C-alpha atoms as a PDB file:
ATOM      1  CA  UNK A   1     -17.253   6.255   3.532  1.00  0.00           C
ATOM      2  CA  UNK A   2     -14.813   8.682   5.165  1.00  0.00           C
ATOM      3  CA  UNK A   3     -15.755   7.198   8.549  1.00  0.00           C
ATOM      4  CA  UNK A   4     -14.820   3.767   7.183  1.00  0.00           C
ATOM      5  CA  UNK A   5     -11.471   5.220   6.044  1.00  0.00           C
ATOM      6  CA  UNK A   6     -10.760   6.540   9.532  1.00  0.00           C
ATOM      7  CA  UNK A   7     -11.673   3.230  11.190  1.00  0.00           C
ATOM      8  CA  UNK A   8      -9.574   1.336   8.631  1.00  0.00           C
ATOM      9  CA  UNK A   9      -6.641   3.702   9.243  1.00  0.00           C
ATOM     10  CA  UNK A  10      -6.831   3.212  13.003  1.00  0.00           C
ATOM     11  CA  UNK A  11      -6.956  -0.567  12.627  1.00  0.00           C
ATOM     12  CA  UNK A  12      -4.133  -0.605  10.080  1.00  0.00           C
ATOM     13  CA  UNK A  13      -1.899   1.552  12.278  1.00  0.00           C
ATOM     14  CA  UNK A  14      -2.566  -0.636  15.312  1.00  0.00           C
ATOM     15  CA  UNK A  15      -1.878  -3.843  13.370  1.00  0.00           C
ATOM     16  CA  UNK A  16       1.220  -2.295  11.760  1.00  0.00           C
ATOM     17  CA  UNK A  17       2.674  -1.315  15.134  1.00  0.00           C
ATOM     18  CA  UNK A  18       1.715  -4.346  17.218  1.00  0.00           C
ATOM     19  CA  UNK A  19       1.221  -7.570  15.241  1.00  0.00           C
ATOM     20  CA  UNK A  20       3.246  -7.090  12.046  1.00  0.00           C
ATOM     21  CA  UNK A  21       6.712  -6.607  13.648  1.00  0.00           C
ATOM     22  CA  UNK A  22       6.502 -10.074  15.184  1.00  0.00           C
ATOM     23  CA  UNK A  23       5.695 -11.669  11.811  1.00  0.00           C
ATOM     24  CA  UNK A  24       8.917 -11.186   9.899  1.00  0.00           C
ATOM     25  CA  UNK A  25      10.276 -13.508   7.229  1.00  0.00           C
ATOM     26  CA  UNK A  26      13.997 -13.161   6.428  1.00  0.00           C
ATOM     27  CA  UNK A  27      13.966  -9.756   8.104  1.00  0.00           C
ATOM     28  CA  UNK A  28      11.142  -8.362   5.991  1.00  0.00           C
ATOM     29  CA  UNK A  29       7.611  -7.679   7.149  1.00  0.00           C
ATOM     30  CA  UNK A  30       4.330  -6.671   5.555  1.00  0.00           C
ATOM     31  CA  UNK A  31       3.499  -2.977   5.374  1.00  0.00           C
ATOM     32  CA  UNK A  32      -0.273  -3.008   5.861  1.00  0.00           C
ATOM     33  CA  UNK A  33      -0.594   0.746   5.371  1.00  0.00           C
ATOM     34  CA  UNK A  34       1.124   0.522   1.975  1.00  0.00           C
ATOM     35  CA  UNK A  35      -1.097  -2.343   0.838  1.00  0.00           C
ATOM     36  CA  UNK A  36      -4.350  -0.633   1.836  1.00  0.00           C
ATOM     37  CA  UNK A  37      -3.158   2.688   0.404  1.00  0.00           C
ATOM     38  CA  UNK A  38      -2.479   1.114  -2.987  1.00  0.00           C
ATOM     39  CA  UNK A  39      -5.802  -0.748  -3.026  1.00  0.00           C
ATOM     40  CA  UNK A  40      -7.627   2.520  -2.321  1.00  0.00           C
ATOM     41  CA  UNK A  41      -5.624   4.228  -5.064  1.00  0.00           C
ATOM     42  CA  UNK A  42      -6.430   1.444  -7.531  1.00  0.00           C
ATOM     43  CA  UNK A  43     -10.139   1.996  -6.944  1.00  0.00           C
ATOM     44  CA  UNK A  44      -9.785   5.759  -7.422  1.00  0.00           C
ATOM     45  CA  UNK A  45     -10.942   6.891  -3.991  1.00  0.00           C
ATOM     46  CA  UNK A  46      -8.591   9.869  -3.775  1.00  0.00           C
ATOM     47  CA  UNK A  47     -10.326  11.649  -0.884  1.00  0.00           C
ATOM     48  CA  UNK A  48     -10.557   8.461   1.170  1.00  0.00           C
ATOM     49  CA  UNK A  49      -6.950   7.625   0.359  1.00  0.00           C
ATOM     50  CA  UNK A  50      -5.860  11.008   1.696  1.00  0.00           C
ATOM     51  CA  UNK A  51      -7.898  10.577   4.872  1.00  0.00           C
ATOM     52  CA  UNK A  52      -6.505   7.079   5.342  1.00  0.00           C
ATOM     53  CA  UNK A  53      -2.921   8.245   4.734  1.00  0.00           C
ATOM     54  CA  UNK A  54      -3.049  11.155   7.161  1.00  0.00           C
ATOM     55  CA  UNK A  55      -4.869   9.355   9.988  1.00  0.00           C
ATOM     56  CA  UNK A  56      -2.835   6.142   9.761  1.00  0.00           C
ATOM     57  CA  UNK A  57       0.531   7.905   9.687  1.00  0.00           C
ATOM     58  CA  UNK A  58      -0.410  10.198  12.585  1.00  0.00           C
ATOM     59  CA  UNK A  59      -1.515   7.255  14.723  1.00  0.00           C
ATOM     60  CA  UNK A  60       1.529   5.191  13.708  1.00  0.00           C
ATOM     61  CA  UNK A  61       3.766   8.146  14.548  1.00  0.00           C
ATOM     62  CA  UNK A  62       2.174   8.486  17.984  1.00  0.00           C
ATOM     63  CA  UNK A  63       2.445   4.769  18.725  1.00  0.00           C
ATOM     64  CA  UNK A  64       5.929   4.133  17.345  1.00  0.00           C
ATOM     65  CA  UNK A  65       7.611   7.432  18.234  1.00  0.00           C
ATOM     66  CA  UNK A  66       8.978   7.924  14.710  1.00  0.00           C
ATOM     67  CA  UNK A  67       8.712  11.457  13.377  1.00  0.00           C
ATOM     68  CA  UNK A  68       5.664  12.029  11.191  1.00  0.00           C
ATOM     69  CA  UNK A  69       7.584  13.308   8.166  1.00  0.00           C
ATOM     70  CA  UNK A  70       9.576  10.073   7.960  1.00  0.00           C
ATOM     71  CA  UNK A  71       6.383   8.070   7.758  1.00  0.00           C
ATOM     72  CA  UNK A  72       4.274  10.265   5.498  1.00  0.00           C
ATOM     73  CA  UNK A  73       6.907  11.266   2.918  1.00  0.00           C
ATOM     74  CA  UNK A  74       7.314   7.920   1.082  1.00  0.00           C
ATOM     75  CA  UNK A  75       3.578   7.275   1.023  1.00  0.00           C
ATOM     76  CA  UNK A  76       2.849  10.791  -0.194  1.00  0.00           C
ATOM     77  CA  UNK A  77       5.452  10.562  -2.972  1.00  0.00           C
ATOM     78  CA  UNK A  78       4.128   7.141  -3.984  1.00  0.00           C
ATOM     79  CA  UNK A  79       0.558   8.475  -4.073  1.00  0.00           C
ATOM     80  CA  UNK A  80       1.616  11.459  -6.170  1.00  0.00           C
ATOM     81  CA  UNK A  81       3.453   9.232  -8.662  1.00  0.00           C
ATOM     82  CA  UNK A  82       0.473   6.878  -8.938  1.00  0.00           C
ATOM     83  CA  UNK A  83      -1.973   9.765  -9.405  1.00  0.00           C
ATOM     84  CA  UNK A  84       0.232  11.269 -12.100  1.00  0.00           C
ATOM     85  CA  UNK A  85       0.402   7.948 -13.955  1.00  0.00           C
ATOM     86  CA  UNK A  86      -3.305   7.376 -13.477  1.00  0.00           C
ATOM     87  CA  UNK A  87      -4.240  10.806 -14.832  1.00  0.00           C
ATOM     88  CA  UNK A  88      -2.069  10.164 -17.895  1.00  0.00           C
ATOM     89  CA  UNK A  89      -3.940   6.852 -18.376  1.00  0.00           C
ATOM     90  CA  UNK A  90      -0.723   4.866 -18.113  1.00  0.00           C
ATOM     91  CA  UNK A  91      -2.057   2.920 -15.121  1.00  0.00           C
ATOM     92  CA  UNK A  92      -5.755   2.895 -14.433  1.00  0.00           C
ATOM     93  CA  UNK A  93      -7.504   0.159 -12.469  1.00  0.00           C
ATOM     94  CA  UNK A  94      -4.950  -2.595 -13.077  1.00  0.00           C
ATOM     95  CA  UNK A  95      -5.852  -6.245 -13.165  1.00  0.00           C
ATOM     96  CA  UNK A  96      -4.522  -8.616 -10.510  1.00  0.00           C
ATOM     97  CA  UNK A  97      -1.349  -9.623 -12.364  1.00  0.00           C
ATOM     98  CA  UNK A  98      -0.332  -6.016 -13.062  1.00  0.00           C
ATOM     99  CA  UNK A  99      -1.177  -5.069  -9.473  1.00  0.00           C
ATOM    100  CA  UNK A 100       1.317  -7.660  -8.201  1.00  0.00           C
ATOM    101  CA  UNK A 101       4.089  -5.905 -10.130  1.00  0.00           C
ATOM    102  CA  UNK A 102       2.930  -2.506  -8.825  1.00  0.00           C
ATOM    103  CA  UNK A 103       2.889  -3.799  -5.235  1.00  0.00           C
ATOM    104  CA  UNK A 104       6.433  -5.127  -5.687  1.00  0.00           C
ATOM    105  CA  UNK A 105       7.828  -1.882  -7.149  1.00  0.00           C
ATOM    106  CA  UNK A 106       5.988   0.288  -4.605  1.00  0.00           C
ATOM    107  CA  UNK A 107       7.238  -1.775  -1.685  1.00  0.00           C
ATOM    108  CA  UNK A 108      10.844  -1.592  -2.842  1.00  0.00           C
ATOM    109  CA  UNK A 109      10.480   2.169  -3.371  1.00  0.00           C
ATOM    110  CA  UNK A 110       8.953   2.801   0.069  1.00  0.00           C
ATOM    111  CA  UNK A 111      11.522   0.633   1.850  1.00  0.00           C
ATOM    112  CA  UNK A 112      14.408   2.354   0.065  1.00  0.00           C
ATOM    113  CA  UNK A 113      13.031   5.775   1.002  1.00  0.00           C
ATOM    114  CA  UNK A 114      12.670   4.651   4.635  1.00  0.00           C
ATOM    115  CA  UNK A 115      16.279   3.473   4.669  1.00  0.00           C
ATOM    116  CA  UNK A 116      17.596   6.603   2.961  1.00  0.00           C
ATOM    117  CA  UNK A 117      15.696   8.787   5.433  1.00  0.00           C
ATOM    118  CA  UNK A 118      17.480   7.241   8.388  1.00  0.00           C
ATOM    119  CA  UNK A 119      20.865   7.353   6.577  1.00  0.00           C
ATOM    120  CA  UNK A 120      21.606   3.712   7.253  1.00  0.00           C
ATOM    121  CA  UNK A 121      21.938   2.072   3.844  1.00  0.00           C
ATOM    122  CA  UNK A 122      24.106  -1.010   3.473  1.00  0.00           C
ATOM    123  CA  UNK A 123      24.134  -4.079   1.267  1.00  0.00           C
ATOM    124  CA  UNK A 124      23.017  -6.229   4.204  1.00  0.00           C
ATOM    125  CA  UNK A 125      19.590  -4.645   3.898  1.00  0.00           C
ATOM    126  CA  UNK A 126      18.939  -6.019   0.394  1.00  0.00           C
ATOM    127  CA  UNK A 127      17.494  -9.314   1.667  1.00  0.00           C
ATOM    128  CA  UNK A 128      15.030  -7.662   4.111  1.00  0.00           C
ATOM    129  CA  UNK A 129      13.960  -5.202   1.405  1.00  0.00           C
ATOM    130  CA  UNK A 130      13.333  -7.967  -1.113  1.00  0.00           C
ATOM    131  CA  UNK A 131      11.580 -10.224   1.383  1.00  0.00           C
ATOM    132  CA  UNK A 132       9.387  -7.336   2.485  1.00  0.00           C
ATOM    133  CA  UNK A 133       8.601  -6.535  -1.150  1.00  0.00           C
ATOM    134  CA  UNK A 134       7.634 -10.130  -1.895  1.00  0.00           C
ATOM    135  CA  UNK A 135       5.459 -10.336   1.230  1.00  0.00           C
ATOM    136  CA  UNK A 136       3.748  -7.040   0.345  1.00  0.00           C
ATOM    137  CA  UNK A 137       3.238  -8.278  -3.205  1.00  0.00           C
ATOM    138  CA  UNK A 138       1.604 -11.519  -2.059  1.00  0.00           C
ATOM    139  CA  UNK A 139      -0.576  -9.969   0.651  1.00  0.00           C
ATOM    140  CA  UNK A 140      -1.503  -7.002  -1.551  1.00  0.00           C
ATOM    141  CA  UNK A 141      -2.360  -9.230  -4.502  1.00  0.00           C
ATOM    142  CA  UNK A 142      -4.482 -11.431  -2.260  1.00  0.00           C
ATOM    143  CA  UNK A 143      -6.395  -8.446  -0.826  1.00  0.00           C
ATOM    144  CA  UNK A 144      -6.812  -6.787  -4.226  1.00  0.00           C
ATOM    145  CA  UNK A 145      -8.031 -10.020  -5.824  1.00  0.00           C
ATOM    146  CA  UNK A 146     -10.723 -10.491  -3.192  1.00  0.00           C
ATOM    147  CA  UNK A 147     -11.686  -6.803  -3.322  1.00  0.00           C
ATOM    148  CA  UNK A 148     -12.208  -7.186  -7.075  1.00  0.00           C
ATOM    149  CA  UNK A 149     -14.264 -10.347  -6.563  1.00  0.00           C
ATOM    150  CA  UNK A 150     -16.426  -8.613  -3.960  1.00  0.00           C
ATOM    151  CA  UNK A 151     -16.792  -5.517  -6.152  1.00  0.00           C
ATOM    152  CA  UNK A 152     -18.063  -7.488  -9.131  1.00  0.00           C
ATOM    153  CA  UNK A 153     -20.218  -9.705  -6.912  1.00  0.00           C
ATOM    154  CA  UNK A 154     -21.904  -6.724  -5.247  1.00  0.00           C
ATOM    155  CA  UNK A 155     -22.279  -4.833  -8.542  1.00  0.00           C
ATOM    156  CA  UNK A 156     -23.642  -7.349 -11.063  1.00  0.00           C
ATOM    157  CA  UNK A 157     -24.642  -4.592 -13.489  1.00  0.00           C
ATOM    158  CA  UNK A 158     -20.946  -3.880 -14.099  1.00  0.00           C
ATOM    159  CA  UNK A 159     -19.490  -6.312 -16.559  1.00  0.00           C
ATOM    160  CA  UNK A 160     -15.867  -6.825 -17.271  1.00  0.00           C
ATOM    161  CA  UNK A 161     -14.471  -5.672 -20.564  1.00  0.00           C
ATOM    162  CA  UNK A 162     -14.226  -8.461 -23.064  1.00  0.00           C
ATOM    163  CA  UNK A 163     -11.415  -8.325 -25.547  1.00  0.00           C
ATOM    164  CA  UNK A 164     -12.377  -9.258 -29.074  1.00  0.00           C
ATOM    165  CA  UNK A 165      -9.746 -10.495 -31.433  1.00  0.00           C
END
């Protein structure tokens, strides 16, 4: 599985640095590394999340020329916050609707940290931040929904919890 994490990190970094910048909507673009990182965190693969985070940010740093600390800091802080909330059982394996909200909040947080790191905050950046957050929310929700469908399809012995009233 760690080999899959490395391959996924390489592909995500290449897509993030080559294809994604050309696909912007209202100045915002999808952060593929953030989306995959959160999906891995939702499934509780901590070791694979760490491997993915380190490899993808190193490759993205090499390709884009941005210093490594600027790339890894927001993702590391986001991972630490999620792990803290997950260990306290506040958030653990959210459903698709809750994951949309988490993708939205995480995207806004990561984009704000990126902007604060480069010391270039202005009110003109609100629209790109919000458009990027909405794109990340939609793409992340789509990926997480299909990962859940595949997980329950491949593991028929696992049944979903049924709420009794």
